[in-house]
Every structure is written in structure tokens, then in C-alpha cells.
């Protein structure tokens, strides 16, 4: 049973072209990463690690020269392919964005996932997907792919918050 996450919110929308927007958010009692290039990269690294953990190794991610790939058992078909990490940091927060470049779970390249921490001493953490056009449609997408994304986001938030506790 997932534990209670303060301020947990999950919202999804769908554009007229079938593109999905998914926004998961939670409050943290203190920053989980520093506001730096290193902190931004850490947000991304922790997310990819959580995918492997949550799937018990069925889905593995690996970094390549072009970006990040998600593959079945690390060698099977490429489920999703992402570009290189695009980081940003400043007084408002820190983020790590990956453009969606393809894979069998998408109809065509486009969109991105952005992992971020904004705010001061009690920041908000987000995992936001924008412009993603899934291959799966309707209820099939909702029952499988969306559920997995939300579950992984929750686990990601729980883990990064727990790791940064004193």
C-alpha cells in the first residue's frame, strides 16, 4: 500500500491530436537535490533507476550517446527512446528534461518528460509528460501505460524524499 505523499496530485489531459499530458506532483519538506547541474541530472538518474526497480528489472534503462533507452530486459525491443538530458537550474528551481524520440510505445516522436523541483525550503516535485502520443489507445492506454507511469512517479517521489531525509 503506497504511503501518503503530502500534496500528491495527478492530472492528465489529452489533446485533439491524441497527445497526452500527464502531471504528477508532491510536496517535500525540504529540497531533495541541490540547485545545480548535478542536482538536475540527479533528478533524471533517479527516475530511470526507479523504472528498473519498479519493474523488477523487466524494463531496464541505459544511457547511450543519443540519450536514454528503455528496453525489455535491457536487450529486447526499445519501448521508449529519449534524447539527452536537458538541464536547467536557478533561483526558482531545478529540472531535467528528456525529449521523446521514439520507441514501440509511441506512435511517433514528440513530447518530453520533465522532472523538476521548484520552490524554496518546502519544494514541489513534479514528473510531467507533455505532447506524448501513445501507440495504445483509450482504455488500453489508461489501464496499462498510464497506470504504470503514475505508479513509477509515486515510487520515484517516495524514494527521492526518503533518500534526502536527515
Protein backbone atom coordinates (compact mmCIF):
# COMPACT_ATOMS: atom_id res chain seq x y z
CA UNK A 1 0.00 0.00 0.00
CA UNK A 2 1.56 3.32 -1.02
CA UNK A 3 2.20 5.73 1.81
CA UNK A 4 0.59 9.13 1.92
CA UNK A 5 2.51 11.76 -0.01
CA UNK A 6 1.84 15.33 1.04
CA UNK A 7 0.17 17.33 -1.70
CA UNK A 8 0.04 14.34 -4.10
CA UNK A 9 -1.74 15.25 -7.30
CA UNK A 10 -2.04 13.52 -10.64
CA UNK A 11 -3.72 15.16 -13.62
CA UNK A 12 -3.97 14.01 -17.21
CA UNK A 13 -5.29 15.62 -20.34
CA UNK A 14 -5.47 14.62 -23.99
CA UNK A 15 -5.12 16.97 -26.94
CA UNK A 16 -7.15 16.78 -30.15
CA UNK A 17 -4.22 15.02 -31.85
CA UNK A 18 -4.21 12.28 -29.17
CA UNK A 19 -1.18 13.73 -27.36
CA UNK A 20 -1.13 13.04 -23.64
CA UNK A 21 -0.23 15.46 -20.91
CA UNK A 22 0.37 13.90 -17.50
CA UNK A 23 1.41 15.89 -14.44
CA UNK A 24 2.25 14.27 -11.10
CA UNK A 25 3.20 16.48 -8.15
CA UNK A 26 4.05 16.17 -4.49
CA UNK A 27 5.34 18.43 -1.71
CA UNK A 28 8.63 17.75 0.05
CA UNK A 29 9.58 19.01 3.50
CA UNK A 30 12.99 20.05 2.18
CA UNK A 31 14.90 20.15 -1.12
CA UNK A 32 15.82 16.69 -2.44
CA UNK A 33 18.58 17.92 -4.78
CA UNK A 34 20.80 20.97 -4.90
CA UNK A 35 20.08 23.74 -7.41
CA UNK A 36 22.85 22.90 -9.81
CA UNK A 37 23.64 20.96 -12.96
CA UNK A 38 24.47 17.99 -10.73
CA UNK A 39 21.14 18.28 -8.89
CA UNK A 40 19.22 18.44 -12.16
CA UNK A 41 20.97 15.34 -13.51
CA UNK A 42 20.30 13.52 -10.26
CA UNK A 43 16.54 14.01 -10.74
CA UNK A 44 16.77 12.27 -14.11
CA UNK A 45 19.09 9.49 -12.95
CA UNK A 46 16.83 8.65 -10.00
CA UNK A 47 13.78 8.45 -12.27
CA UNK A 48 15.41 5.99 -14.68
CA UNK A 49 16.65 3.89 -11.77
CA UNK A 50 13.12 3.76 -10.35
CA UNK A 51 11.76 2.36 -13.62
CA UNK A 52 14.13 -0.59 -13.35
CA UNK A 53 13.37 -1.09 -9.66
CA UNK A 54 9.59 -0.82 -10.07
CA UNK A 55 9.57 -3.32 -12.96
CA UNK A 56 11.91 -5.67 -11.06
CA UNK A 57 14.33 -5.50 -13.98
CA UNK A 58 11.81 -6.31 -16.70
CA UNK A 59 12.27 -2.81 -18.10
CA UNK A 60 15.81 -1.51 -17.99
CA UNK A 61 17.12 1.85 -18.95
CA UNK A 62 20.51 2.62 -20.35
CA UNK A 63 22.24 5.79 -21.33
CA UNK A 64 23.62 5.99 -24.85
CA UNK A 65 25.40 8.74 -26.77
CA UNK A 66 22.00 9.87 -28.09
CA UNK A 67 20.13 9.77 -24.76
CA UNK A 68 18.24 7.14 -22.78
CA UNK A 69 16.56 3.93 -23.94
CA UNK A 70 14.01 1.80 -22.12
CA UNK A 71 14.22 -1.84 -23.21
CA UNK A 72 12.70 -5.12 -22.12
CA UNK A 73 15.35 -6.94 -20.09
CA UNK A 74 17.90 -4.46 -21.39
CA UNK A 75 18.17 -6.13 -24.80
CA UNK A 76 14.65 -6.51 -26.14
CA UNK A 77 12.70 -4.04 -28.21
CA UNK A 78 13.10 -0.37 -27.41
CA UNK A 79 9.93 0.64 -25.59
CA UNK A 80 10.76 4.34 -25.46
CA UNK A 81 13.75 6.33 -26.65
CA UNK A 82 14.62 9.71 -25.18
CA UNK A 83 17.07 12.41 -26.13
CA UNK A 84 19.92 13.59 -23.92
CA UNK A 85 19.21 15.28 -20.62
CA UNK A 86 18.43 18.98 -20.94
CA UNK A 87 19.00 20.58 -17.56
CA UNK A 88 18.10 23.92 -16.04
CA UNK A 89 18.72 25.42 -12.62
CA UNK A 90 18.30 28.76 -10.96
CA UNK A 91 16.63 30.56 -8.08
CA UNK A 92 13.18 29.16 -8.95
CA UNK A 93 14.26 25.52 -9.07
CA UNK A 94 15.96 22.77 -10.99
CA UNK A 95 14.80 20.49 -13.81
CA UNK A 96 15.87 17.70 -16.11
CA UNK A 97 14.01 17.26 -19.41
CA UNK A 98 14.20 14.43 -21.94
CA UNK A 99 12.64 14.73 -25.40
CA UNK A 100 10.73 11.62 -26.52
CA UNK A 101 12.45 10.37 -29.69
CA UNK A 102 10.51 7.15 -30.42
CA UNK A 103 10.04 3.54 -29.41
CA UNK A 104 7.27 0.97 -29.82
CA UNK A 105 5.07 2.58 -27.14
CA UNK A 106 4.73 5.82 -29.09
CA UNK A 107 3.01 6.48 -32.41
CA UNK A 108 5.69 8.97 -33.42
CA UNK A 109 8.49 11.03 -31.88
CA UNK A 110 7.41 14.09 -29.94
CA UNK A 111 6.82 15.38 -26.47
CA UNK A 112 9.00 15.15 -23.39
CA UNK A 113 9.25 14.19 -19.76
CA UNK A 114 10.41 16.83 -17.29
CA UNK A 115 11.45 16.05 -13.73
CA UNK A 116 11.66 19.10 -11.51
CA UNK A 117 11.95 20.61 -8.07
CA UNK A 118 10.60 24.15 -7.62
CA UNK A 119 10.17 26.41 -4.64
CA UNK A 120 12.26 27.09 -1.57
CA UNK A 121 12.60 25.20 1.70
CA UNK A 122 9.47 23.09 1.11
CA UNK A 123 9.64 22.48 -2.64
CA UNK A 124 7.25 20.84 -5.05
CA UNK A 125 8.48 17.82 -7.02
CA UNK A 126 7.00 17.10 -10.43
CA UNK A 127 7.10 14.45 -13.12
CA UNK A 128 5.37 15.98 -16.14
CA UNK A 129 4.89 14.40 -19.55
CA UNK A 130 3.83 16.69 -22.39
CA UNK A 131 2.99 16.03 -26.04
CA UNK A 132 3.36 12.23 -25.86
CA UNK A 133 1.27 10.33 -28.42
CA UNK A 134 0.97 6.74 -27.20
CA UNK A 135 0.54 3.76 -29.51
CA UNK A 136 -2.03 2.30 -27.10
CA UNK A 137 -5.48 3.92 -27.30
CA UNK A 138 -8.29 4.70 -24.88
CA UNK A 139 -8.92 2.23 -22.07
CA UNK A 140 -5.90 0.13 -23.02
CA UNK A 141 -3.61 3.12 -22.50
CA UNK A 142 -5.39 4.06 -19.26
CA UNK A 143 -5.25 0.54 -17.81
CA UNK A 144 -1.64 -0.21 -18.68
CA UNK A 145 0.68 2.61 -19.67
CA UNK A 146 -0.86 5.45 -17.63
CA UNK A 147 -1.16 3.32 -14.51
CA UNK A 148 2.49 2.30 -14.78
CA UNK A 149 3.63 5.90 -15.25
CA UNK A 150 1.67 7.11 -12.21
CA UNK A 151 2.89 4.20 -10.05
CA UNK A 152 6.52 4.81 -11.06
CA UNK A 153 6.16 8.55 -10.38
CA UNK A 154 4.81 7.83 -6.86
CA UNK A 155 7.67 5.42 -6.14
CA UNK A 156 10.17 7.93 -7.53
CA UNK A 157 8.84 10.69 -5.27
CA UNK A 158 8.83 8.39 -2.22
CA UNK A 159 12.39 7.29 -2.88
CA UNK A 160 13.93 10.72 -3.52
CA UNK A 161 12.17 12.15 -0.47
CA UNK A 162 13.29 9.25 1.74
CA UNK A 163 16.87 9.41 0.45
CA UNK A 164 17.21 13.04 1.43
CA UNK A 165 15.90 12.68 4.99
CA UNK A 166 18.47 13.52 7.66
